[in-house]
Amino acid sequence: MDFTDALDRVWSEDTKTIRNFLTKRPAYKKLAEEIAYILEMGYRKRASSLTL
């Protein structure tokens, strides 16, 4: 069974997993945005402290 077959099977036979993911997706998106912000601020702080 390849990846496409497994994915098709989940979509057709395991709707609870899909529904679970879709329910949690906004929280995952917000978490990813917060992590990106923290990383960006850290990089900016380090870059501003560099001397050329």
Protein backbone atom coordinates (compact mmCIF):
# COMPACT_ATOMS: atom_id res chain seq x y z
CA MET A 1 0.00 0.00 0.00
CA ASP A 2 1.45 3.34 -0.98
CA PHE A 3 0.91 6.71 0.66
CA THR A 4 -1.95 7.72 -1.66
CA ASP A 5 -3.87 4.51 -0.93
CA ALA A 6 -3.42 4.98 2.80
CA LEU A 7 -4.56 8.59 2.59
CA ASP A 8 -7.62 7.65 0.53
CA ARG A 9 -8.47 4.96 3.08
CA VAL A 10 -8.30 7.42 5.98
CA TRP A 11 -10.52 9.90 4.15
CA SER A 12 -13.12 7.26 3.35
CA GLU A 13 -12.98 4.99 6.41
CA ASP A 14 -11.70 7.04 9.32
CA THR A 15 -13.67 10.26 9.29
CA LYS A 16 -13.15 10.69 13.05
CA THR A 17 -9.42 11.26 12.47
CA ILE A 18 -10.13 13.87 9.78
CA ARG A 19 -12.72 15.61 11.95
CA ASN A 20 -10.28 15.60 14.87
CA PHE A 21 -7.58 17.23 12.76
CA LEU A 22 -9.94 19.85 11.35
CA THR A 23 -11.19 20.69 14.84
CA LYS A 24 -7.64 21.20 16.15
CA ARG A 25 -6.29 22.95 13.06
CA PRO A 26 -6.94 26.54 14.24
CA ALA A 27 -4.98 25.88 17.45
CA TYR A 28 -2.08 24.38 15.48
CA LYS A 29 -2.10 27.39 13.15
CA LYS A 30 -2.02 29.84 16.08
CA LEU A 31 0.80 27.90 17.74
CA ALA A 32 2.83 27.95 14.51
CA GLU A 33 2.30 31.71 14.19
CA GLU A 34 3.41 32.29 17.77
CA ILE A 35 6.54 30.18 17.28
CA ALA A 36 7.36 32.04 14.06
CA TYR A 37 6.98 35.37 15.86
CA ILE A 38 9.25 34.31 18.73
CA LEU A 39 11.90 33.05 16.32
CA GLU A 40 11.73 36.22 14.23
CA MET A 41 12.12 38.45 17.28
CA GLY A 42 15.09 36.39 18.47
CA TYR A 43 16.79 36.62 15.07
CA ARG A 44 16.17 40.36 14.87
CA LYS A 45 17.60 40.88 18.36
CA ARG A 46 20.72 38.89 17.51
CA ALA A 47 21.13 40.64 14.17
CA SER A 48 20.85 44.08 15.76
CA SER A 49 23.58 43.19 18.25
CA LEU A 50 26.08 42.22 15.55
CA THR A 51 28.79 44.71 14.75
CA LEU A 52 30.15 45.05 11.23
